[in-house]
Amino acid sequence: MKHLDWAEKPTLRTVTCKHTNAEKFLVSNVLTEGKQYEVKNETDEFVFVIDNTGKIGGYYKDYFE
């Protein structure tokens, strides 16, 4: 299971959160607008970053620049 060791993998790049206005999900408690996050994995639709809780979370790309 590759997702178990994503936290120890090197960072691919950093992204900046541009908004936390989610239509369906509450993300304002785990993402901060204007803060930079380390990208650990990426798909066509999602970015997996280390969020404010210190764990890896998957979020839609439209939250980031």
N, C-alpha and C. Protein backbone atom coordinates (compact mmCIF):
# COMPACT_ATOMS: atom_id res chain seq x y z
N MET A 1 0.83 -1.17 0.00
CA MET A 1 0.00 0.00 0.00
C MET A 1 0.88 1.24 0.00
N LYS A 2 0.97 1.84 -1.16
CA LYS A 2 1.87 2.97 -1.35
C LYS A 2 1.47 4.21 -0.56
N HIS A 3 0.20 4.40 -0.28
CA HIS A 3 -0.25 5.62 0.41
C HIS A 3 0.21 5.68 1.86
N LEU A 4 0.65 4.59 2.43
CA LEU A 4 1.08 4.58 3.83
C LEU A 4 2.42 5.26 4.05
N ASP A 5 3.24 5.36 3.01
CA ASP A 5 4.55 5.99 3.17
C ASP A 5 4.69 7.32 2.42
N TRP A 6 3.58 7.94 2.04
CA TRP A 6 3.63 9.23 1.35
C TRP A 6 4.24 10.31 2.22
N ALA A 7 4.04 10.28 3.51
CA ALA A 7 4.56 11.33 4.38
C ALA A 7 6.09 11.35 4.40
N GLU A 8 6.72 10.20 4.22
CA GLU A 8 8.18 10.13 4.22
C GLU A 8 8.79 10.39 2.85
N LYS A 9 7.99 10.38 1.80
CA LYS A 9 8.49 10.61 0.44
C LYS A 9 8.89 12.08 0.27
N PRO A 10 9.79 12.36 -0.67
CA PRO A 10 10.16 13.77 -0.92
C PRO A 10 8.97 14.55 -1.47
N THR A 11 8.95 15.83 -1.18
CA THR A 11 7.88 16.71 -1.64
C THR A 11 8.01 16.93 -3.14
N LEU A 12 6.89 16.80 -3.88
CA LEU A 12 6.90 17.02 -5.32
C LEU A 12 7.02 18.50 -5.65
N ARG A 13 6.23 19.31 -4.95
CA ARG A 13 6.24 20.78 -5.12
C ARG A 13 5.41 21.36 -3.99
N THR A 14 5.33 22.67 -3.93
CA THR A 14 4.46 23.31 -2.94
C THR A 14 3.35 24.06 -3.67
N VAL A 15 2.20 24.13 -3.04
CA VAL A 15 1.06 24.86 -3.59
C VAL A 15 0.53 25.80 -2.51
N THR A 16 -0.14 26.86 -2.95
CA THR A 16 -0.72 27.82 -2.03
C THR A 16 -2.24 27.69 -2.09
N CYS A 17 -2.86 27.66 -0.94
CA CYS A 17 -4.32 27.57 -0.84
C CYS A 17 -4.91 28.93 -1.22
N LYS A 18 -5.78 28.96 -2.23
CA LYS A 18 -6.33 30.24 -2.67
C LYS A 18 -7.71 30.52 -2.07
N HIS A 19 -8.44 29.48 -1.63
CA HIS A 19 -9.72 29.70 -0.96
C HIS A 19 -10.14 28.44 -0.21
N THR A 20 -11.06 28.60 0.71
CA THR A 20 -11.62 27.46 1.44
C THR A 20 -13.13 27.44 1.34
N ASN A 21 -13.67 28.05 0.29
CA ASN A 21 -15.11 28.11 0.08
C ASN A 21 -15.58 26.85 -0.63
N ALA A 22 -15.87 25.82 0.13
CA ALA A 22 -16.31 24.56 -0.43
C ALA A 22 -17.82 24.52 -0.53
N GLU A 23 -18.33 23.95 -1.61
CA GLU A 23 -19.77 23.83 -1.78
C GLU A 23 -20.34 22.73 -0.89
N LYS A 24 -19.62 21.62 -0.81
CA LYS A 24 -20.18 20.43 -0.18
C LYS A 24 -19.46 20.03 1.10
N PHE A 25 -18.17 20.26 1.19
CA PHE A 25 -17.36 19.78 2.30
C PHE A 25 -16.81 20.94 3.11
N LEU A 26 -16.54 20.72 4.38
CA LEU A 26 -15.94 21.72 5.25
C LEU A 26 -14.43 21.55 5.23
N VAL A 27 -13.72 22.48 4.61
CA VAL A 27 -12.26 22.40 4.54
C VAL A 27 -11.57 23.53 5.29
N SER A 28 -12.34 24.48 5.79
CA SER A 28 -11.72 25.62 6.46
C SER A 28 -11.06 25.25 7.78
N ASN A 29 -11.37 24.08 8.34
CA ASN A 29 -10.72 23.66 9.59
C ASN A 29 -9.43 22.90 9.35
N VAL A 30 -9.11 22.54 8.10
CA VAL A 30 -7.87 21.82 7.81
C VAL A 30 -6.99 22.54 6.80
N LEU A 31 -7.50 23.55 6.11
CA LEU A 31 -6.72 24.35 5.18
C LEU A 31 -6.83 25.82 5.57
N THR A 32 -5.76 26.56 5.37
CA THR A 32 -5.74 27.99 5.67
C THR A 32 -5.47 28.74 4.38
N GLU A 33 -6.31 29.71 4.10
CA GLU A 33 -6.17 30.50 2.89
C GLU A 33 -4.86 31.28 2.91
N GLY A 34 -4.07 31.18 1.84
CA GLY A 34 -2.79 31.87 1.74
C GLY A 34 -1.60 31.07 2.23
N LYS A 35 -1.82 29.94 2.87
CA LYS A 35 -0.72 29.13 3.39
C LYS A 35 -0.22 28.17 2.32
N GLN A 36 1.08 27.88 2.35
CA GLN A 36 1.67 26.94 1.40
C GLN A 36 1.68 25.53 1.99
N TYR A 37 1.41 24.55 1.14
CA TYR A 37 1.36 23.15 1.54
C TYR A 37 2.26 22.32 0.63
N GLU A 38 2.84 21.26 1.20
CA GLU A 38 3.71 20.37 0.46
C GLU A 38 2.88 19.30 -0.24
N VAL A 39 3.08 19.15 -1.55
CA VAL A 39 2.37 18.15 -2.34
C VAL A 39 3.14 16.84 -2.26
N LYS A 40 2.47 15.79 -1.79
CA LYS A 40 3.08 14.47 -1.68
C LYS A 40 2.67 13.54 -2.82
N ASN A 41 1.48 13.76 -3.37
CA ASN A 41 1.02 12.98 -4.52
C ASN A 41 -0.03 13.80 -5.25
N GLU A 42 -0.27 13.46 -6.52
CA GLU A 42 -1.18 14.25 -7.32
C GLU A 42 -1.84 13.35 -8.36
N THR A 43 -3.13 13.59 -8.60
CA THR A 43 -3.86 12.91 -9.67
C THR A 43 -4.44 13.99 -10.58
N ASP A 44 -5.26 13.58 -11.55
CA ASP A 44 -5.86 14.56 -12.45
C ASP A 44 -6.81 15.50 -11.72
N GLU A 45 -7.48 15.01 -10.69
CA GLU A 45 -8.51 15.80 -10.02
C GLU A 45 -8.12 16.25 -8.60
N PHE A 46 -7.23 15.51 -7.95
CA PHE A 46 -6.92 15.76 -6.55
C PHE A 46 -5.44 16.05 -6.32
N VAL A 47 -5.17 16.78 -5.22
CA VAL A 47 -3.82 17.02 -4.74
C VAL A 47 -3.78 16.48 -3.31
N PHE A 48 -2.78 15.70 -2.99
CA PHE A 48 -2.63 15.14 -1.65
C PHE A 48 -1.52 15.91 -0.94
N VAL A 49 -1.91 16.65 0.10
CA VAL A 49 -0.99 17.54 0.82
C VAL A 49 -1.01 17.20 2.30
N ILE A 50 0.02 17.67 3.01
CA ILE A 50 0.02 17.59 4.46
C ILE A 50 -0.72 18.84 4.95
N ASP A 51 -1.91 18.63 5.52
CA ASP A 51 -2.76 19.75 5.92
C ASP A 51 -2.46 20.23 7.33
N ASN A 52 -3.30 21.08 7.88
CA ASN A 52 -3.07 21.67 9.21
C ASN A 52 -3.10 20.66 10.34
N THR A 53 -3.67 19.49 10.12
CA THR A 53 -3.70 18.45 11.16
C THR A 53 -2.39 17.68 11.22
N GLY A 54 -1.52 17.86 10.22
CA GLY A 54 -0.26 17.14 10.17
C GLY A 54 -0.35 15.82 9.44
N LYS A 55 -1.53 15.52 8.91
CA LYS A 55 -1.74 14.28 8.17
C LYS A 55 -1.96 14.60 6.71
N ILE A 56 -1.87 13.58 5.87
CA ILE A 56 -2.07 13.78 4.44
C ILE A 56 -3.56 13.72 4.13
N GLY A 57 -4.02 14.71 3.38
CA GLY A 57 -5.41 14.76 2.96
C GLY A 57 -5.49 15.03 1.48
N GLY A 58 -6.51 14.52 0.83
CA GLY A 58 -6.73 14.73 -0.60
C GLY A 58 -7.78 15.80 -0.81
N TYR A 59 -7.46 16.80 -1.62
CA TYR A 59 -8.35 17.93 -1.85
C TYR A 59 -8.42 18.21 -3.35
N TYR A 60 -9.56 18.76 -3.79
CA TYR A 60 -9.70 19.16 -5.19
C TYR A 60 -8.63 20.20 -5.53
N LYS A 61 -8.18 20.17 -6.77
CA LYS A 61 -7.14 21.10 -7.21
C LYS A 61 -7.61 22.55 -7.23
N ASP A 62 -8.92 22.78 -7.30
CA ASP A 62 -9.39 24.16 -7.40
C ASP A 62 -9.20 24.96 -6.11
N TYR A 63 -8.82 24.32 -5.01
CA TYR A 63 -8.50 25.05 -3.78
C TYR A 63 -7.10 25.66 -3.82
N PHE A 64 -6.27 25.27 -4.77
CA PHE A 64 -4.86 25.64 -4.76
C PHE A 64 -4.46 26.35 -6.04
N GLU A 65 -3.39 27.14 -5.93
CA GLU A 65 -2.77 27.81 -7.10
C GLU A 65 -1.62 26.98 -7.59
